[in-house]
Amino acid sequence: MSDTVLDVKGLRCPLPVLRANRVLRGLPPGTQLRVLATDRASVADFQAFCRETGHALVAFSEEAGVFRFLIRRRANEPEEKPEGPETPR
């Protein structure tokens, strides 16, 4: 299976991460997304995004001003926490 590619070159923070998040939500768990960006801030943005969401930043590189990120979608959606106090059993 080939990776999905998202080209967000020319977009500035926070758009690259927001667009990647939208695409990742539509991908099956465990699949990978390749992102191409030119915003220098995207390096720190994608690191923080993956740390906070549970997606894996598999690799990133830069060549001729283009940053390439490889993100693997997390395996499972986080469980929703019940609201309110827990009932004793």
Protein backbone atom coordinates (compact mmCIF):
# COMPACT_ATOMS: atom_id res chain seq x y z
CA MET A 1 0.00 0.00 0.00
CA SER A 2 1.39 3.43 -0.90
CA ASP A 3 1.51 6.37 1.47
CA THR A 4 -0.91 9.26 1.14
CA VAL A 5 0.88 12.50 0.26
CA LEU A 6 -0.24 15.92 1.48
CA ASP A 7 1.40 18.92 -0.20
CA VAL A 8 1.07 22.00 2.01
CA LYS A 9 4.01 23.92 0.54
CA GLY A 10 3.45 27.66 0.76
CA LEU A 11 1.04 27.40 3.71
CA ARG A 12 2.01 28.90 7.05
CA CYS A 13 1.35 27.88 10.64
CA PRO A 14 -1.09 26.49 11.70
CA LEU A 15 -2.49 25.39 8.32
CA PRO A 16 -0.02 22.53 7.59
CA VAL A 17 -0.87 20.77 10.87
CA LEU A 18 -4.61 21.46 10.54
CA ARG A 19 -4.69 20.01 7.03
CA ALA A 20 -2.64 16.98 8.09
CA ASN A 21 -4.99 16.37 11.01
CA ARG A 22 -7.99 16.41 8.67
CA VAL A 23 -6.35 13.89 6.32
CA LEU A 24 -5.20 11.63 9.17
CA ARG A 25 -8.73 11.42 10.53
CA GLY A 26 -9.83 9.90 7.22
CA LEU A 27 -7.06 7.30 7.09
CA PRO A 28 -7.23 3.80 8.57
CA PRO A 29 -5.26 3.27 11.81
CA GLY A 30 -1.60 2.41 11.24
CA THR A 31 -1.36 3.95 7.76
CA GLN A 32 1.18 6.63 6.92
CA LEU A 33 0.90 10.19 5.67
CA ARG A 34 3.72 12.00 3.90
CA VAL A 35 3.59 15.77 4.32
CA LEU A 36 5.55 18.26 2.23
CA ALA A 37 5.83 21.73 3.80
CA THR A 38 7.92 24.88 3.41
CA ASP A 39 7.10 26.64 6.68
CA ARG A 40 10.14 26.36 8.96
CA ALA A 41 7.81 26.39 12.00
CA SER A 42 6.25 23.14 10.78
CA VAL A 43 9.15 21.14 12.25
CA ALA A 44 8.25 22.08 15.84
CA ASP A 45 4.53 22.08 15.00
CA PHE A 46 4.50 18.48 13.73
CA GLN A 47 6.65 17.27 16.62
CA ALA A 48 4.20 18.78 19.12
CA PHE A 49 1.17 17.60 17.14
CA CYS A 50 2.35 13.98 17.13
CA ARG A 51 3.31 14.08 20.80
CA GLU A 52 -0.12 15.44 21.76
CA THR A 53 -2.26 13.25 19.47
CA GLY A 54 -0.47 9.91 19.72
CA HIS A 55 0.43 9.74 16.03
CA ALA A 56 4.03 8.69 15.34
CA LEU A 57 6.45 11.05 13.63
CA VAL A 58 8.40 8.31 11.87
CA ALA A 59 10.82 10.59 10.02
CA PHE A 60 11.43 14.11 8.87
CA SER A 61 14.01 15.72 6.64
CA GLU A 62 14.69 18.95 4.80
CA GLU A 63 16.01 19.41 1.29
CA ALA A 64 16.12 22.65 -0.70
CA GLY A 65 13.71 24.35 1.70
CA VAL A 66 11.09 21.58 1.61
CA PHE A 67 10.40 19.74 4.84
CA ARG A 68 9.25 16.14 4.51
CA PHE A 69 7.40 14.45 7.35
CA LEU A 70 6.30 10.84 7.58
CA ILE A 71 3.50 10.39 10.11
CA ARG A 72 1.92 7.07 11.06
CA ARG A 73 -1.68 7.34 12.21
CA ARG A 74 -2.18 6.06 15.74
CA ALA A 75 -3.52 2.54 16.02
CA ASN A 76 -6.61 3.33 18.09
CA GLU A 77 -8.76 6.29 18.88
CA PRO A 78 -8.31 7.41 22.47
CA GLU A 79 -11.05 6.20 24.77
CA GLU A 80 -13.49 8.84 25.87
CA LYS A 81 -13.45 9.41 29.59
CA PRO A 82 -16.84 9.33 31.26
CA GLU A 83 -18.00 12.61 32.68
CA GLY A 84 -18.85 12.92 36.34
CA PRO A 85 -17.85 10.78 39.31
CA GLU A 86 -17.44 7.08 38.86
CA THR A 87 -20.02 4.86 40.47
CA PRO A 88 -18.67 2.37 43.01
CA ARG A 89 -19.03 -1.32 42.23
